[in-house]
């Protein structure tokens, strides 16, 4: 894969439990990517998650970043609902 586009997004979580939950939920996607046009790496530092996406083109980059941000947002919504119960 020739990398022509790259982005890193740093997301702060309220606590480490939420962070670990999000990373655990994303692991299957990272380990078995849907496309060969992009590669994703997750890094944890304190209460921050860094999502790094390398892609062959900007279309693949945008699609991958959007998918991961939606998955993170969905996971956090579920976690917040469960914590309120």
PDB file of N, CA and C in Angstrom:
ATOM      1  N   UNK A   1       0.846  -1.183   0.000  1.00  0.00           N
ATOM      2  CA  UNK A   1       0.000   0.000   0.000  1.00  0.00           C
ATOM      3  C   UNK A   1       0.882   1.234   0.000  1.00  0.00           C
ATOM      4  N   UNK A   2       0.675   2.101  -0.952  1.00  0.00           N
ATOM      5  CA  UNK A   2       1.357   3.377  -0.994  1.00  0.00           C
ATOM      6  C   UNK A   2       0.527   4.390  -0.222  1.00  0.00           C
ATOM      7  N   UNK A   3       1.133   5.020   0.769  1.00  0.00           N
ATOM      8  CA  UNK A   3       0.401   5.958   1.617  1.00  0.00           C
ATOM      9  C   UNK A   3       0.475   7.357   1.018  1.00  0.00           C
ATOM     10  N   UNK A   4      -0.694   7.918   0.719  1.00  0.00           N
ATOM     11  CA  UNK A   4      -0.783   9.266   0.184  1.00  0.00           C
ATOM     12  C   UNK A   4      -1.549  10.203   1.098  1.00  0.00           C
ATOM     13  N   UNK A   5      -2.187   9.657   2.125  1.00  0.00           N
ATOM     14  CA  UNK A   5      -2.982  10.474   3.044  1.00  0.00           C
ATOM     15  C   UNK A   5      -2.851   9.891   4.444  1.00  0.00           C
ATOM     16  N   UNK A   6      -2.726  10.778   5.419  1.00  0.00           N
ATOM     17  CA  UNK A   6      -2.575  10.324   6.805  1.00  0.00           C
ATOM     18  C   UNK A   6      -3.199  11.358   7.735  1.00  0.00           C
ATOM     19  N   UNK A   7      -3.834  10.852   8.795  1.00  0.00           N
ATOM     20  CA  UNK A   7      -4.403  11.745   9.803  1.00  0.00           C
ATOM     21  C   UNK A   7      -4.313  11.070  11.169  1.00  0.00           C
ATOM     22  N   UNK A   8      -4.130  11.894  12.187  1.00  0.00           N
ATOM     23  CA  UNK A   8      -4.179  11.426  13.573  1.00  0.00           C
ATOM     24  C   UNK A   8      -5.207  12.263  14.313  1.00  0.00           C
ATOM     25  N   UNK A   9      -6.063  11.569  15.050  1.00  0.00           N
ATOM     26  CA  UNK A   9      -7.099  12.233  15.835  1.00  0.00           C
ATOM     27  C   UNK A   9      -6.887  11.830  17.288  1.00  0.00           C
ATOM     28  N   UNK A  10      -6.829  12.810  18.166  1.00  0.00           N
ATOM     29  CA  UNK A  10      -6.631  12.551  19.595  1.00  0.00           C
ATOM     30  C   UNK A  10      -7.938  12.857  20.315  1.00  0.00           C
ATOM     31  N   UNK A  11      -8.464  11.854  21.015  1.00  0.00           N
ATOM     32  CA  UNK A  11      -9.764  11.982  21.678  1.00  0.00           C
ATOM     33  C   UNK A  11      -9.578  11.795  23.178  1.00  0.00           C
ATOM     34  N   UNK A  12     -10.108  12.733  23.963  1.00  0.00           N
ATOM     35  CA  UNK A  12     -10.015  12.629  25.418  1.00  0.00           C
ATOM     36  C   UNK A  12     -11.265  11.945  25.956  1.00  0.00           C
ATOM     37  N   UNK A  13     -11.046  10.992  26.867  1.00  0.00           N
ATOM     38  CA  UNK A  13     -12.138  10.276  27.516  1.00  0.00           C
ATOM     39  C   UNK A  13     -12.239  10.727  28.975  1.00  0.00           C
ATOM     40  N   UNK A  14     -13.430  10.600  29.520  1.00  0.00           N
ATOM     41  CA  UNK A  14     -13.673  11.024  30.905  1.00  0.00           C
ATOM     42  C   UNK A  14     -12.893  10.192  31.907  1.00  0.00           C
ATOM     43  N   UNK A  15     -12.761   8.898  31.606  1.00  0.00           N
ATOM     44  CA  UNK A  15     -12.028   8.023  32.521  1.00  0.00           C
ATOM     45  C   UNK A  15     -11.447   6.844  31.750  1.00  0.00           C
ATOM     46  N   UNK A  16     -10.562   6.107  32.407  1.00  0.00           N
ATOM     47  CA  UNK A  16      -9.885   5.001  31.736  1.00  0.00           C
ATOM     48  C   UNK A  16     -10.836   3.851  31.408  1.00  0.00           C
ATOM     49  N   UNK A  17     -11.896   3.682  32.202  1.00  0.00           N
ATOM     50  CA  UNK A  17     -12.864   2.625  31.924  1.00  0.00           C
ATOM     51  C   UNK A  17     -13.542   2.854  30.574  1.00  0.00           C
ATOM     52  N   UNK A  18     -13.946   4.087  30.299  1.00  0.00           N
ATOM     53  CA  UNK A  18     -14.560   4.409  29.016  1.00  0.00           C
ATOM     54  C   UNK A  18     -13.570   4.208  27.870  1.00  0.00           C
ATOM     55  N   UNK A  19     -12.339   4.598  28.096  1.00  0.00           N
ATOM     56  CA  UNK A  19     -11.306   4.455  27.082  1.00  0.00           C
ATOM     57  C   UNK A  19     -11.065   2.989  26.737  1.00  0.00           C
ATOM     58  N   UNK A  20     -10.903   2.167  27.746  1.00  0.00           N
ATOM     59  CA  UNK A  20     -10.669   0.734  27.529  1.00  0.00           C
ATOM     60  C   UNK A  20     -11.867   0.091  26.829  1.00  0.00           C
ATOM     61  N   UNK A  21     -13.077   0.498  27.200  1.00  0.00           N
ATOM     62  CA  UNK A  21     -14.282  -0.026  26.558  1.00  0.00           C
ATOM     63  C   UNK A  21     -14.289   0.305  25.068  1.00  0.00           C
ATOM     64  N   UNK A  22     -13.952   1.540  24.735  1.00  0.00           N
ATOM     65  CA  UNK A  22     -13.928   1.959  23.329  1.00  0.00           C
ATOM     66  C   UNK A  22     -12.863   1.191  22.548  1.00  0.00           C
ATOM     67  N   UNK A  23     -11.681   1.057  23.117  1.00  0.00           N
ATOM     68  CA  UNK A  23     -10.601   0.346  22.429  1.00  0.00           C
ATOM     69  C   UNK A  23     -10.959  -1.126  22.236  1.00  0.00           C
ATOM     70  N   UNK A  24     -11.548  -1.736  23.252  1.00  0.00           N
ATOM     71  CA  UNK A  24     -11.962  -3.138  23.153  1.00  0.00           C
ATOM     72  C   UNK A  24     -13.010  -3.315  22.055  1.00  0.00           C
ATOM     73  N   UNK A  25     -13.923  -2.379  21.950  1.00  0.00           N
ATOM     74  CA  UNK A  25     -14.964  -2.455  20.916  1.00  0.00           C
ATOM     75  C   UNK A  25     -14.381  -2.286  19.515  1.00  0.00           C
ATOM     76  N   UNK A  26     -13.313  -1.520  19.392  1.00  0.00           N
ATOM     77  CA  UNK A  26     -12.717  -1.256  18.081  1.00  0.00           C
ATOM     78  C   UNK A  26     -11.705  -2.306  17.631  1.00  0.00           C
ATOM     79  N   UNK A  27     -11.205  -3.110  18.552  1.00  0.00           N
ATOM     80  CA  UNK A  27     -10.162  -4.093  18.228  1.00  0.00           C
ATOM     81  C   UNK A  27     -10.512  -4.993  17.046  1.00  0.00           C
ATOM     82  N   UNK A  28     -11.729  -5.563  16.984  1.00  0.00           N
ATOM     83  CA  UNK A  28     -12.040  -6.432  15.829  1.00  0.00           C
ATOM     84  C   UNK A  28     -11.923  -5.693  14.492  1.00  0.00           C
ATOM     85  N   UNK A  29     -12.295  -4.419  14.473  1.00  0.00           N
ATOM     86  CA  UNK A  29     -12.210  -3.634  13.233  1.00  0.00           C
ATOM     87  C   UNK A  29     -10.760  -3.376  12.852  1.00  0.00           C
ATOM     88  N   UNK A  30      -9.928  -3.098  13.843  1.00  0.00           N
ATOM     89  CA  UNK A  30      -8.508  -2.829  13.589  1.00  0.00           C
ATOM     90  C   UNK A  30      -7.811  -4.105  13.113  1.00  0.00           C
ATOM     91  N   UNK A  31      -8.146  -5.237  13.733  1.00  0.00           N
ATOM     92  CA  UNK A  31      -7.485  -6.502  13.409  1.00  0.00           C
ATOM     93  C   UNK A  31      -7.936  -7.098  12.075  1.00  0.00           C
ATOM     94  N   UNK A  32      -9.148  -6.790  11.635  1.00  0.00           N
ATOM     95  CA  UNK A  32      -9.673  -7.320  10.367  1.00  0.00           C
ATOM     96  C   UNK A  32     -10.263  -6.186   9.542  1.00  0.00           C
ATOM     97  N   UNK A  33      -9.413  -5.375   8.922  1.00  0.00           N
ATOM     98  CA  UNK A  33      -9.924  -4.233   8.160  1.00  0.00           C
ATOM     99  C   UNK A  33     -10.798  -4.665   6.984  1.00  0.00           C
ATOM    100  N   UNK A  34     -11.775  -3.842   6.692  1.00  0.00           N
ATOM    101  CA  UNK A  34     -12.709  -4.125   5.606  1.00  0.00           C
ATOM    102  C   UNK A  34     -12.034  -3.936   4.247  1.00  0.00           C
ATOM    103  N   UNK A  35     -11.118  -3.003   4.173  1.00  0.00           N
ATOM    104  CA  UNK A  35     -10.469  -2.672   2.912  1.00  0.00           C
ATOM    105  C   UNK A  35      -8.954  -2.680   3.075  1.00  0.00           C
ATOM    106  N   UNK A  36      -8.267  -2.884   1.989  1.00  0.00           N
ATOM    107  CA  UNK A  36      -6.810  -2.823   1.999  1.00  0.00           C
ATOM    108  C   UNK A  36      -6.308  -1.409   1.702  1.00  0.00           C
ATOM    109  N   UNK A  37      -7.231  -0.484   1.466  1.00  0.00           N
ATOM    110  CA  UNK A  37      -6.866   0.884   1.089  1.00  0.00           C
ATOM    111  C   UNK A  37      -6.489   1.759   2.274  1.00  0.00           C
ATOM    112  N   UNK A  38      -6.711   1.272   3.499  1.00  0.00           N
ATOM    113  CA  UNK A  38      -6.346   2.068   4.670  1.00  0.00           C
ATOM    114  C   UNK A  38      -5.864   1.157   5.795  1.00  0.00           C
ATOM    115  N   UNK A  39      -5.089   1.747   6.678  1.00  0.00           N
ATOM    116  CA  UNK A  39      -4.550   1.037   7.830  1.00  0.00           C
ATOM    117  C   UNK A  39      -4.802   1.901   9.062  1.00  0.00           C
ATOM    118  N   UNK A  40      -5.239   1.270  10.158  1.00  0.00           N
ATOM    119  CA  UNK A  40      -5.587   2.014  11.378  1.00  0.00           C
ATOM    120  C   UNK A  40      -4.722   1.547  12.531  1.00  0.00           C
ATOM    121  N   UNK A  41      -4.310   2.510  13.344  1.00  0.00           N
ATOM    122  CA  UNK A  41      -3.554   2.214  14.561  1.00  0.00           C
ATOM    123  C   UNK A  41      -4.197   2.973  15.720  1.00  0.00           C
ATOM    124  N   UNK A  42      -4.357   2.308  16.852  1.00  0.00           N
ATOM    125  CA  UNK A  42      -4.888   2.935  18.060  1.00  0.00           C
ATOM    126  C   UNK A  42      -3.789   2.965  19.112  1.00  0.00           C
ATOM    127  N   UNK A  43      -3.638   4.106  19.761  1.00  0.00           N
ATOM    128  CA  UNK A  43      -2.668   4.238  20.845  1.00  0.00           C
ATOM    129  C   UNK A  43      -3.355   4.874  22.036  1.00  0.00           C
ATOM    130  N   UNK A  44      -3.013   4.381  23.226  1.00  0.00           N
ATOM    131  CA  UNK A  44      -3.573   4.902  24.468  1.00  0.00           C
ATOM    132  C   UNK A  44      -2.475   5.626  25.227  1.00  0.00           C
ATOM    133  N   UNK A  45      -2.795   6.826  25.715  1.00  0.00           N
ATOM    134  CA  UNK A  45      -1.883   7.570  26.578  1.00  0.00           C
ATOM    135  C   UNK A  45      -2.730   8.350  27.582  1.00  0.00           C
ATOM    136  N   UNK A  46      -2.588   7.993  28.847  1.00  0.00           N
ATOM    137  CA  UNK A  46      -3.420   8.566  29.910  1.00  0.00           C
ATOM    138  C   UNK A  46      -4.887   8.327  29.556  1.00  0.00           C
ATOM    139  N   UNK A  47      -5.701   9.366  29.512  1.00  0.00           N
ATOM    140  CA  UNK A  47      -7.119   9.216  29.150  1.00  0.00           C
ATOM    141  C   UNK A  47      -7.368   9.646  27.712  1.00  0.00           C
ATOM    142  N   UNK A  48      -6.356   9.531  26.869  1.00  0.00           N
ATOM    143  CA  UNK A  48      -6.481   9.902  25.463  1.00  0.00           C
ATOM    144  C   UNK A  48      -6.344   8.680  24.565  1.00  0.00           C
ATOM    145  N   UNK A  49      -7.140   8.657  23.525  1.00  0.00           N
ATOM    146  CA  UNK A  49      -7.030   7.659  22.477  1.00  0.00           C
ATOM    147  C   UNK A  49      -6.573   8.389  21.223  1.00  0.00           C
ATOM    148  N   UNK A  50      -5.486   7.921  20.630  1.00  0.00           N
ATOM    149  CA  UNK A  50      -5.025   8.484  19.368  1.00  0.00           C
ATOM    150  C   UNK A  50      -5.343   7.490  18.264  1.00  0.00           C
ATOM    151  N   UNK A  51      -6.147   7.938  17.323  1.00  0.00           N
ATOM    152  CA  UNK A  51      -6.540   7.160  16.159  1.00  0.00           C
ATOM    153  C   UNK A  51      -5.707   7.666  14.992  1.00  0.00           C
ATOM    154  N   UNK A  52      -4.871   6.801  14.420  1.00  0.00           N
ATOM    155  CA  UNK A  52      -4.048   7.176  13.279  1.00  0.00           C
ATOM    156  C   UNK A  52      -4.471   6.341  12.082  1.00  0.00           C
ATOM    157  N   UNK A  53      -4.773   7.041  10.989  1.00  0.00           N
ATOM    158  CA  UNK A  53      -5.221   6.374   9.775  1.00  0.00           C
ATOM    159  C   UNK A  53      -4.259   6.729   8.646  1.00  0.00           C
ATOM    160  N   UNK A  54      -3.719   5.693   8.001  1.00  0.00           N
ATOM    161  CA  UNK A  54      -2.920   5.837   6.786  1.00  0.00           C
ATOM    162  C   UNK A  54      -3.757   5.286   5.646  1.00  0.00           C
ATOM    163  N   UNK A  55      -3.813   6.011   4.536  1.00  0.00           N
ATOM    164  CA  UNK A  55      -4.655   5.556   3.430  1.00  0.00           C
ATOM    165  C   UNK A  55      -3.997   5.824   2.084  1.00  0.00           C
ATOM    166  N   UNK A  56      -4.470   5.084   1.101  1.00  0.00           N
ATOM    167  CA  UNK A  56      -3.958   5.241  -0.255  1.00  0.00           C
ATOM    168  C   UNK A  56      -4.416   6.548  -0.893  1.00  0.00           C
ATOM    169  N   UNK A  57      -5.600   7.024  -0.500  1.00  0.00           N
ATOM    170  CA  UNK A  57      -6.149   8.241  -1.094  1.00  0.00           C
ATOM    171  C   UNK A  57      -7.064   8.930  -0.085  1.00  0.00           C
ATOM    172  N   UNK A  58      -7.463  10.147  -0.390  1.00  0.00           N
ATOM    173  CA  UNK A  58      -8.285  10.912   0.544  1.00  0.00           C
ATOM    174  C   UNK A  58      -9.683  10.336   0.707  1.00  0.00           C
ATOM    175  N   UNK A  59     -10.204   9.675  -0.306  1.00  0.00           N
ATOM    176  CA  UNK A  59     -11.522   9.059  -0.195  1.00  0.00           C
ATOM    177  C   UNK A  59     -11.502   7.940   0.840  1.00  0.00           C
ATOM    178  N   UNK A  60     -10.495   7.087   0.765  1.00  0.00           N
ATOM    179  CA  UNK A  60     -10.356   5.997   1.746  1.00  0.00           C
ATOM    180  C   UNK A  60     -10.088   6.563   3.132  1.00  0.00           C
ATOM    181  N   UNK A  61      -9.296   7.627   3.203  1.00  0.00           N
ATOM    182  CA  UNK A  61      -9.001   8.265   4.488  1.00  0.00           C
ATOM    183  C   UNK A  61     -10.278   8.794   5.133  1.00  0.00           C
ATOM    184  N   UNK A  62     -11.068   9.535   4.386  1.00  0.00           N
ATOM    185  CA  UNK A  62     -12.310  10.109   4.902  1.00  0.00           C
ATOM    186  C   UNK A  62     -13.279   9.023   5.356  1.00  0.00           C
ATOM    187  N   UNK A  63     -13.450   8.001   4.535  1.00  0.00           N
ATOM    188  CA  UNK A  63     -14.385   6.926   4.876  1.00  0.00           C
ATOM    189  C   UNK A  63     -13.946   6.201   6.147  1.00  0.00           C
ATOM    190  N   UNK A  64     -12.670   5.932   6.275  1.00  0.00           N
ATOM    191  CA  UNK A  64     -12.158   5.216   7.447  1.00  0.00           C
ATOM    192  C   UNK A  64     -12.278   6.057   8.702  1.00  0.00           C
ATOM    193  N   UNK A  65     -11.879   7.322   8.630  1.00  0.00           N
ATOM    194  CA  UNK A  65     -11.974   8.202   9.803  1.00  0.00           C
ATOM    195  C   UNK A  65     -13.427   8.358  10.228  1.00  0.00           C
ATOM    196  N   UNK A  66     -14.321   8.589   9.276  1.00  0.00           N
ATOM    197  CA  UNK A  66     -15.738   8.733   9.610  1.00  0.00           C
ATOM    198  C   UNK A  66     -16.286   7.480  10.282  1.00  0.00           C
ATOM    199  N   UNK A  67     -15.933   6.318   9.757  1.00  0.00           N
ATOM    200  CA  UNK A  67     -16.422   5.065  10.340  1.00  0.00           C
ATOM    201  C   UNK A  67     -15.944   4.912  11.781  1.00  0.00           C
ATOM    202  N   UNK A  68     -14.660   5.135  12.017  1.00  0.00           N
ATOM    203  CA  UNK A  68     -14.126   4.968  13.367  1.00  0.00           C
ATOM    204  C   UNK A  68     -14.696   6.000  14.335  1.00  0.00           C
ATOM    205  N   UNK A  69     -14.870   7.233  13.896  1.00  0.00           N
ATOM    206  CA  UNK A  69     -15.448   8.250  14.786  1.00  0.00           C
ATOM    207  C   UNK A  69     -16.902   7.919  15.124  1.00  0.00           C
ATOM    208  N   UNK A  70     -17.644   7.388  14.161  1.00  0.00           N
ATOM    209  CA  UNK A  70     -19.026   6.959  14.440  1.00  0.00           C
ATOM    210  C   UNK A  70     -19.035   5.805  15.427  1.00  0.00           C
ATOM    211  N   UNK A  71     -18.147   4.837  15.246  1.00  0.00           N
ATOM    212  CA  UNK A  71     -18.085   3.698  16.164  1.00  0.00           C
ATOM    213  C   UNK A  71     -17.711   4.144  17.570  1.00  0.00           C
ATOM    214  N   UNK A  72     -16.784   5.066  17.668  1.00  0.00           N
ATOM    215  CA  UNK A  72     -16.391   5.582  18.986  1.00  0.00           C
ATOM    216  C   UNK A  72     -17.570   6.308  19.628  1.00  0.00           C
ATOM    217  N   UNK A  73     -18.252   7.160  18.868  1.00  0.00           N
ATOM    218  CA  UNK A  73     -19.394   7.900  19.399  1.00  0.00           C
ATOM    219  C   UNK A  73     -20.509   6.944  19.837  1.00  0.00           C
ATOM    220  N   UNK A  74     -20.769   5.919  19.051  1.00  0.00           N
ATOM    221  CA  UNK A  74     -21.801   4.939  19.406  1.00  0.00           C
ATOM    222  C   UNK A  74     -21.435   4.195  20.680  1.00  0.00           C
ATOM    223  N   UNK A  75     -20.193   3.780  20.775  1.00  0.00           N
ATOM    224  CA  UNK A  75     -19.724   3.073  21.972  1.00  0.00           C
ATOM    225  C   UNK A  75     -19.872   3.949  23.200  1.00  0.00           C
ATOM    226  N   UNK A  76     -19.501   5.219  23.082  1.00  0.00           N
ATOM    227  CA  UNK A  76     -19.583   6.125  24.230  1.00  0.00           C
ATOM    228  C   UNK A  76     -21.033   6.393  24.621  1.00  0.00           C
ATOM    229  N   UNK A  77     -21.928   6.445  23.652  1.00  0.00           N
ATOM    230  CA  UNK A  77     -23.348   6.626  23.965  1.00  0.00           C
ATOM    231  C   UNK A  77     -23.876   5.450  24.777  1.00  0.00           C
ATOM    232  N   UNK A  78     -23.513   4.256  24.385  1.00  0.00           N
ATOM    233  CA  UNK A  78     -23.947   3.056  25.109  1.00  0.00           C
ATOM    234  C   UNK A  78     -23.358   3.044  26.519  1.00  0.00           C
ATOM    235  N   UNK A  79     -22.078   3.363  26.638  1.00  0.00           N
ATOM    236  CA  UNK A  79     -21.422   3.391  27.949  1.00  0.00           C
ATOM    237  C   UNK A  79     -22.100   4.407  28.869  1.00  0.00           C
ATOM    238  N   UNK A  80     -22.417   5.582  28.342  1.00  0.00           N
ATOM    239  CA  UNK A  80     -23.083   6.614  29.157  1.00  0.00           C
ATOM    240  C   UNK A  80     -24.459   6.154  29.621  1.00  0.00           C
ATOM    241  N   UNK A  81     -25.190   5.482  28.743  1.00  0.00           N
ATOM    242  CA  UNK A  81     -26.523   4.980  29.130  1.00  0.00           C
ATOM    243  C   UNK A  81     -26.393   3.934  30.231  1.00  0.00           C
ATOM    244  N   UNK A  82     -25.439   3.026  30.080  1.00  0.00           N
ATOM    245  CA  UNK A  82     -25.245   1.980  31.082  1.00  0.00           C
ATOM    246  C   UNK A  82     -24.797   2.573  32.403  1.00  0.00           C
ATOM    247  N   UNK A  83     -23.936   3.587  32.385  1.00  0.00           N
ATOM    248  CA  UNK A  83     -23.468   4.203  33.619  1.00  0.00           C
ATOM    249  C   UNK A  83     -24.597   4.930  34.356  1.00  0.00           C
ATOM    250  N   UNK A  84     -25.613   5.387  33.640  1.00  0.00           N
ATOM    251  CA  UNK A  84     -26.730   6.103  34.258  1.00  0.00           C
ATOM    252  C   UNK A  84     -27.754   5.155  34.878  1.00  0.00           C
ATOM    253  N   UNK A  85     -27.665   3.883  34.572  1.00  0.00           N
ATOM    254  CA  UNK A  85     -28.641   2.922  35.097  1.00  0.00           C
ATOM    255  C   UNK A  85     -28.345   2.572  36.532  1.00  0.00           C
TER     256      UNK A  85
END
